[in-house]
Amino acid sequence: MHSIFTTQSVDWPAVASLFVQVGWGVRAPLEIRAAFEKSSHVIFIYDGDELAAFGRTMDDGRYYALLVDVVVKPQYQQRGLGRDVVDYLRTQLVGYRFITLTAAPGKEDFYLKLGWQRQATSLIWPVNDEQKRLHAQPSD
């Protein structure tokens, strides 16, 4: 396994394919590339020429940072690659006041095992009904 920390020479259709494989829907390779190129920190983990995992961060350079798009190819899950992605990204954010993430539904326990904690005051503005169903708590 080897890692790269730049968006140069990334196979963007392979990245798009991984999003589909983990159930995050179809994304356009050029849009993915544009998003990753605006990210603060990125990591891509390869097994030979095969993309096995990736992740990225968005931040303001000092106070707030967010881990996003932490993805591990299904056949590489349970091998520690998700931990490697999260650990690398978190170490890039030393000194920030708030480091957050939104876990994919059903993946919360993975992050809790790594020491992340639930945030009591986190809110979401759902952009569609599916996002509301997956990420928002029912109103009282």
Protein backbone atom coordinates (compact mmCIF):
# COMPACT_ATOMS: atom_id res chain seq x y z
CA MET A 1 0.00 0.00 0.00
CA HIS A 2 1.12 3.52 -0.68
CA SER A 3 -0.45 6.93 -0.18
CA ILE A 4 -0.44 10.14 -2.17
CA PHE A 5 -1.26 13.55 -0.78
CA THR A 6 -1.95 15.50 -3.95
CA THR A 7 -4.72 15.55 -6.53
CA GLN A 8 -2.23 15.25 -9.41
CA SER A 9 -2.48 12.03 -11.43
CA VAL A 10 -5.60 10.80 -9.63
CA ASP A 11 -7.94 8.58 -11.64
CA TRP A 12 -11.14 10.60 -11.08
CA PRO A 13 -13.46 8.01 -12.67
CA ALA A 14 -12.07 5.50 -10.13
CA VAL A 15 -12.91 7.94 -7.33
CA ALA A 16 -16.43 8.34 -8.74
CA SER A 17 -16.75 4.55 -8.89
CA LEU A 18 -15.82 4.24 -5.21
CA PHE A 19 -18.56 6.70 -4.26
CA VAL A 20 -21.04 4.44 -6.05
CA GLN A 21 -19.60 1.28 -4.49
CA VAL A 22 -20.12 2.59 -0.96
CA GLY A 23 -23.66 3.74 -1.74
CA TRP A 24 -23.08 7.50 -1.89
CA GLY A 25 -24.57 7.85 -5.36
CA VAL A 26 -23.31 8.92 -8.74
CA ARG A 27 -20.94 11.88 -8.84
CA ALA A 28 -19.32 13.39 -11.91
CA PRO A 29 -15.54 12.88 -12.05
CA LEU A 30 -14.86 16.51 -13.04
CA GLU A 31 -16.99 17.81 -10.16
CA ILE A 32 -15.21 15.50 -7.73
CA ARG A 33 -11.84 16.73 -8.98
CA ALA A 34 -12.90 20.37 -8.54
CA ALA A 35 -14.04 19.66 -4.97
CA PHE A 36 -10.84 17.81 -4.05
CA GLU A 37 -8.68 20.55 -5.55
CA LYS A 38 -10.36 23.06 -3.21
CA SER A 39 -9.75 20.82 -0.21
CA SER A 40 -7.13 21.65 2.38
CA HIS A 41 -5.68 18.17 2.83
CA VAL A 42 -6.22 15.00 0.82
CA ILE A 43 -5.07 11.42 1.01
CA PHE A 44 -5.45 8.62 -1.53
CA ILE A 45 -4.36 5.10 -0.58
CA TYR A 46 -3.47 2.65 -3.33
CA ASP A 47 -2.81 -1.06 -3.43
CA GLY A 48 -0.53 -1.17 -6.45
CA ASP A 49 -2.51 0.71 -9.11
CA GLU A 50 -5.88 0.11 -7.42
CA LEU A 51 -7.48 2.94 -5.45
CA ALA A 52 -8.39 1.48 -2.05
CA ALA A 53 -9.34 4.51 0.09
CA PHE A 54 -9.38 8.29 0.22
CA GLY A 55 -10.44 11.27 2.30
CA ARG A 56 -10.13 15.03 2.50
CA THR A 57 -10.64 18.07 4.73
CA MET A 58 -12.21 21.47 4.35
CA ASP A 59 -11.14 24.25 6.73
CA ASP A 60 -10.58 27.95 7.27
CA GLY A 61 -6.89 27.62 8.05
CA ARG A 62 -7.13 28.22 11.79
CA TYR A 63 -10.38 27.66 13.68
CA TYR A 64 -12.78 25.26 11.94
CA ALA A 65 -12.07 22.06 10.05
CA LEU A 66 -14.27 19.32 8.67
CA LEU A 67 -13.33 15.82 7.55
CA VAL A 68 -15.29 14.82 4.45
CA ASP A 69 -15.49 12.01 1.93
CA VAL A 70 -13.73 9.34 3.99
CA VAL A 71 -14.24 6.32 1.72
CA VAL A 72 -12.80 2.80 1.76
CA LYS A 73 -13.46 0.40 -1.10
CA PRO A 74 -15.72 -2.38 0.25
CA GLN A 75 -13.21 -5.20 -0.27
CA TYR A 76 -10.57 -3.18 1.65
CA GLN A 77 -12.77 -2.42 4.66
CA GLN A 78 -11.85 -3.92 8.04
CA ARG A 79 -8.11 -3.63 7.21
CA GLY A 80 -7.35 -0.37 9.02
CA LEU A 81 -7.39 1.87 5.95
CA GLY A 82 -10.26 4.00 7.25
CA ARG A 83 -8.31 4.54 10.46
CA ASP A 84 -5.23 5.47 8.42
CA VAL A 85 -7.19 8.03 6.39
CA VAL A 86 -8.81 9.61 9.46
CA ASP A 87 -5.57 9.61 11.48
CA TYR A 88 -3.61 11.27 8.68
CA LEU A 89 -6.25 13.95 8.14
CA ARG A 90 -6.64 14.63 11.86
CA THR A 91 -2.87 15.10 12.28
CA GLN A 92 -2.95 17.76 9.58
CA LEU A 93 -5.38 19.78 11.70
CA VAL A 94 -3.41 20.19 14.93
CA GLY A 95 -4.17 23.53 16.56
CA TYR A 96 -7.68 23.98 15.17
CA ARG A 97 -10.39 24.87 17.70
CA PHE A 98 -13.17 22.72 16.15
CA ILE A 99 -12.65 19.55 14.11
CA THR A 100 -15.87 17.88 13.02
CA LEU A 101 -17.29 15.35 10.60
CA THR A 102 -20.63 13.99 9.54
CA ALA A 103 -20.58 10.20 9.56
CA ALA A 104 -22.35 8.25 6.87
CA PRO A 105 -25.48 6.59 8.29
CA GLY A 106 -24.47 3.42 10.12
CA LYS A 107 -20.77 4.38 10.37
CA GLU A 108 -20.95 6.32 13.63
CA ASP A 109 -19.46 3.46 15.68
CA PHE A 110 -16.33 3.47 13.51
CA TYR A 111 -15.59 7.07 14.48
CA LEU A 112 -16.56 6.55 18.12
CA LYS A 113 -13.99 3.71 18.33
CA LEU A 114 -11.34 6.17 17.06
CA GLY A 115 -12.10 8.60 19.90
CA TRP A 116 -14.51 10.96 18.15
CA GLN A 117 -17.47 12.08 20.24
CA ARG A 118 -21.03 13.01 19.43
CA GLN A 119 -21.64 16.74 19.27
CA ALA A 120 -24.63 17.85 21.30
CA THR A 121 -25.24 21.06 19.35
CA SER A 122 -24.77 19.99 15.74
CA LEU A 123 -27.53 21.00 13.31
CA ILE A 124 -28.18 20.41 9.62
CA TRP A 125 -30.08 22.30 6.93
CA PRO A 126 -31.32 19.38 4.80
CA VAL A 127 -31.06 20.13 1.08
CA ASN A 128 -33.47 17.32 0.12
CA ASP A 129 -35.85 14.78 1.65
CA GLU A 130 -33.31 11.93 1.55
CA GLN A 131 -30.75 13.98 3.47
CA LYS A 132 -33.44 14.90 5.98
CA ARG A 133 -34.38 11.23 6.38
CA LEU A 134 -30.77 10.06 6.79
CA HIS A 135 -29.27 12.84 8.89
CA ALA A 136 -31.94 14.83 10.72
CA GLN A 137 -33.68 13.85 13.93
CA PRO A 138 -37.48 13.97 13.87
CA SER A 139 -38.97 17.25 15.09
CA ASP A 140 -40.77 17.22 18.41
